Amino acid sequence: MNLRNNVKIYRVRLDINQQQLGTLVEVSRQTISLIERGDYNPSITLALKLAKVFDCKVEDLFYLEGEDNEKD
């Protein structure tokens, strides 16, 4: 099973760009891009920071491929 995410969906809803999100969670724009593309799995700390910014649960942002909680 692969880890998938809804980070881009939440970021667009918040109307911020990757650079702004990176600043909020103290990582680079490139790291946000890698996460959104599924090329990088964030640490638990970073996942929690992202969830806090988006005011959601970590499970709303990240899920295992094939689970029924996909937001696509």
N, C-alpha and C. Protein backbone atom coordinates (compact mmCIF):
# COMPACT_ATOMS: atom_id res chain seq x y z
N MET A 1 0.84 -1.19 0.00
CA MET A 1 0.00 0.00 0.00
C MET A 1 0.89 1.25 0.00
N ASN A 2 0.49 2.21 -0.77
CA ASN A 2 1.22 3.47 -0.84
C ASN A 2 0.50 4.56 -0.07
N LEU A 3 1.30 5.44 0.54
CA LEU A 3 0.72 6.59 1.23
C LEU A 3 0.34 7.66 0.21
N ARG A 4 -0.88 8.11 0.26
CA ARG A 4 -1.37 9.16 -0.63
C ARG A 4 -1.79 10.35 0.23
N ASN A 5 -2.06 11.49 -0.42
CA ASN A 5 -2.43 12.65 0.39
C ASN A 5 -3.37 13.59 -0.35
N ASN A 6 -3.98 14.45 0.43
CA ASN A 6 -4.89 15.48 -0.07
C ASN A 6 -4.36 16.88 0.24
N VAL A 7 -3.05 17.00 0.38
CA VAL A 7 -2.45 18.28 0.77
C VAL A 7 -2.77 19.37 -0.24
N LYS A 8 -2.65 19.07 -1.52
CA LYS A 8 -2.92 20.10 -2.54
C LYS A 8 -4.37 20.58 -2.47
N ILE A 9 -5.28 19.66 -2.27
CA ILE A 9 -6.70 20.02 -2.18
C ILE A 9 -6.93 20.99 -1.03
N TYR A 10 -6.37 20.68 0.12
CA TYR A 10 -6.53 21.55 1.29
C TYR A 10 -5.81 22.88 1.08
N ARG A 11 -4.64 22.85 0.44
CA ARG A 11 -3.90 24.09 0.20
C ARG A 11 -4.67 25.02 -0.73
N VAL A 12 -5.24 24.47 -1.77
CA VAL A 12 -6.03 25.27 -2.72
C VAL A 12 -7.26 25.85 -2.03
N ARG A 13 -7.91 25.07 -1.19
CA ARG A 13 -9.08 25.56 -0.43
C ARG A 13 -8.71 26.74 0.46
N LEU A 14 -7.49 26.69 1.02
CA LEU A 14 -7.02 27.77 1.88
C LEU A 14 -6.52 28.97 1.06
N ASP A 15 -6.41 28.77 -0.25
CA ASP A 15 -5.98 29.82 -1.19
C ASP A 15 -4.57 30.33 -0.86
N ILE A 16 -3.66 29.37 -0.66
CA ILE A 16 -2.25 29.74 -0.45
C ILE A 16 -1.39 28.93 -1.43
N ASN A 17 -0.21 29.45 -1.73
CA ASN A 17 0.68 28.72 -2.63
C ASN A 17 1.63 27.84 -1.83
N GLN A 18 2.44 27.06 -2.55
CA GLN A 18 3.34 26.13 -1.88
C GLN A 18 4.36 26.86 -1.00
N GLN A 19 4.85 27.99 -1.46
CA GLN A 19 5.82 28.76 -0.68
C GLN A 19 5.20 29.21 0.65
N GLN A 20 3.98 29.72 0.59
CA GLN A 20 3.30 30.18 1.80
C GLN A 20 3.07 29.02 2.78
N LEU A 21 2.65 27.89 2.26
CA LEU A 21 2.43 26.73 3.12
C LEU A 21 3.74 26.27 3.73
N GLY A 22 4.79 26.24 2.93
CA GLY A 22 6.09 25.86 3.45
C GLY A 22 6.53 26.76 4.59
N THR A 23 6.30 28.05 4.44
CA THR A 23 6.65 29.00 5.49
C THR A 23 5.86 28.72 6.77
N LEU A 24 4.58 28.43 6.62
CA LEU A 24 3.73 28.16 7.78
C LEU A 24 4.17 26.92 8.56
N VAL A 25 4.69 25.92 7.85
CA VAL A 25 5.08 24.67 8.52
C VAL A 25 6.60 24.51 8.59
N GLU A 26 7.31 25.57 8.23
CA GLU A 26 8.77 25.64 8.37
C GLU A 26 9.53 24.62 7.54
N VAL A 27 9.11 24.46 6.27
CA VAL A 27 9.85 23.65 5.30
C VAL A 27 9.92 24.44 4.00
N SER A 28 10.69 23.94 3.05
CA SER A 28 10.83 24.63 1.77
C SER A 28 9.63 24.39 0.86
N ARG A 29 9.50 25.24 -0.13
CA ARG A 29 8.47 25.06 -1.16
C ARG A 29 8.67 23.72 -1.85
N GLN A 30 9.93 23.34 -2.05
CA GLN A 30 10.24 22.08 -2.73
C GLN A 30 9.72 20.88 -1.93
N THR A 31 9.82 20.96 -0.61
CA THR A 31 9.31 19.87 0.22
C THR A 31 7.80 19.75 0.07
N ILE A 32 7.10 20.87 0.05
CA ILE A 32 5.64 20.85 -0.15
C ILE A 32 5.31 20.24 -1.51
N SER A 33 6.06 20.62 -2.53
CA SER A 33 5.85 20.07 -3.87
C SER A 33 6.05 18.56 -3.88
N LEU A 34 7.10 18.08 -3.24
CA LEU A 34 7.37 16.65 -3.18
C LEU A 34 6.26 15.90 -2.45
N ILE A 35 5.77 16.48 -1.36
CA ILE A 35 4.67 15.85 -0.62
C ILE A 35 3.43 15.77 -1.50
N GLU A 36 3.07 16.88 -2.14
CA GLU A 36 1.87 16.89 -2.98
C GLU A 36 1.95 15.89 -4.12
N ARG A 37 3.14 15.68 -4.67
CA ARG A 37 3.33 14.73 -5.77
C ARG A 37 3.40 13.29 -5.28
N GLY A 38 3.52 13.11 -3.97
CA GLY A 38 3.63 11.76 -3.42
C GLY A 38 5.04 11.21 -3.48
N ASP A 39 6.02 12.07 -3.71
CA ASP A 39 7.42 11.65 -3.79
C ASP A 39 8.14 11.73 -2.45
N TYR A 40 7.47 12.21 -1.42
CA TYR A 40 8.09 12.35 -0.10
C TYR A 40 7.01 12.16 0.96
N ASN A 41 7.32 11.30 1.92
CA ASN A 41 6.41 11.09 3.05
C ASN A 41 6.90 11.93 4.22
N PRO A 42 6.07 12.83 4.71
CA PRO A 42 6.50 13.73 5.79
C PRO A 42 6.66 12.99 7.11
N SER A 43 7.44 13.59 7.98
CA SER A 43 7.56 13.08 9.34
C SER A 43 6.21 13.25 10.04
N ILE A 44 6.07 12.58 11.16
CA ILE A 44 4.84 12.74 11.95
C ILE A 44 4.69 14.19 12.38
N THR A 45 5.79 14.80 12.77
CA THR A 45 5.75 16.21 13.20
C THR A 45 5.24 17.11 12.08
N LEU A 46 5.77 16.92 10.89
CA LEU A 46 5.34 17.74 9.75
C LEU A 46 3.88 17.46 9.40
N ALA A 47 3.48 16.21 9.43
CA ALA A 47 2.07 15.87 9.15
C ALA A 47 1.14 16.55 10.16
N LEU A 48 1.55 16.58 11.42
CA LEU A 48 0.74 17.25 12.44
C LEU A 48 0.69 18.76 12.21
N LYS A 49 1.82 19.36 11.81
CA LYS A 49 1.83 20.79 11.51
C LYS A 49 0.91 21.11 10.35
N LEU A 50 0.94 20.28 9.31
CA LEU A 50 0.06 20.50 8.16
C LEU A 50 -1.41 20.41 8.58
N ALA A 51 -1.74 19.40 9.37
CA ALA A 51 -3.12 19.24 9.83
C ALA A 51 -3.55 20.45 10.66
N LYS A 52 -2.65 20.99 11.45
CA LYS A 52 -2.99 22.16 12.26
C LYS A 52 -3.27 23.36 11.37
N VAL A 53 -2.44 23.57 10.36
CA VAL A 53 -2.66 24.69 9.43
C VAL A 53 -4.01 24.56 8.74
N PHE A 54 -4.34 23.35 8.34
CA PHE A 54 -5.60 23.12 7.60
C PHE A 54 -6.79 22.88 8.53
N ASP A 55 -6.57 22.86 9.84
CA ASP A 55 -7.63 22.63 10.82
C ASP A 55 -8.39 21.35 10.51
N CYS A 56 -7.62 20.27 10.34
CA CYS A 56 -8.22 18.97 10.06
C CYS A 56 -7.41 17.89 10.76
N LYS A 57 -7.84 16.66 10.64
CA LYS A 57 -7.12 15.52 11.19
C LYS A 57 -6.04 15.08 10.21
N VAL A 58 -4.98 14.50 10.73
CA VAL A 58 -3.93 13.95 9.87
C VAL A 58 -4.53 12.93 8.89
N GLU A 59 -5.50 12.16 9.37
CA GLU A 59 -6.14 11.16 8.53
C GLU A 59 -6.91 11.77 7.36
N ASP A 60 -7.30 13.04 7.49
CA ASP A 60 -7.96 13.72 6.38
C ASP A 60 -6.95 14.10 5.29
N LEU A 61 -5.71 14.28 5.67
CA LEU A 61 -4.65 14.66 4.72
C LEU A 61 -3.96 13.46 4.10
N PHE A 62 -3.71 12.44 4.90
CA PHE A 62 -2.92 11.29 4.46
C PHE A 62 -3.71 10.00 4.62
N TYR A 63 -3.59 9.11 3.64
CA TYR A 63 -4.30 7.84 3.67
C TYR A 63 -3.53 6.82 2.86
N LEU A 64 -3.80 5.57 3.13
CA LEU A 64 -3.19 4.49 2.36
C LEU A 64 -4.00 4.25 1.11
N GLU A 65 -3.31 4.10 0.01
CA GLU A 65 -3.96 3.84 -1.28
C GLU A 65 -4.88 2.63 -1.13
N GLY A 66 -6.10 2.78 -1.60
CA GLY A 66 -7.05 1.69 -1.51
C GLY A 66 -8.03 1.81 -0.36
N GLU A 67 -7.75 2.70 0.59
CA GLU A 67 -8.69 2.91 1.69
C GLU A 67 -9.88 3.71 1.17
N ASP A 68 -11.01 3.60 1.84
CA ASP A 68 -12.22 4.26 1.35
C ASP A 68 -12.38 5.70 1.81
N ASN A 69 -11.35 6.31 2.41
CA ASN A 69 -11.48 7.68 2.86
C ASN A 69 -10.81 8.68 1.93
N GLU A 70 -10.61 8.31 0.67
CA GLU A 70 -10.00 9.21 -0.30
C GLU A 70 -10.92 10.39 -0.57
N LYS A 71 -10.31 11.58 -0.75
CA LYS A 71 -11.09 12.79 -0.95
C LYS A 71 -11.15 13.23 -2.41
N ASP A 72 -10.56 12.43 -3.31
CA ASP A 72 -10.47 12.82 -4.73
C ASP A 72 -11.81 12.92 -5.40
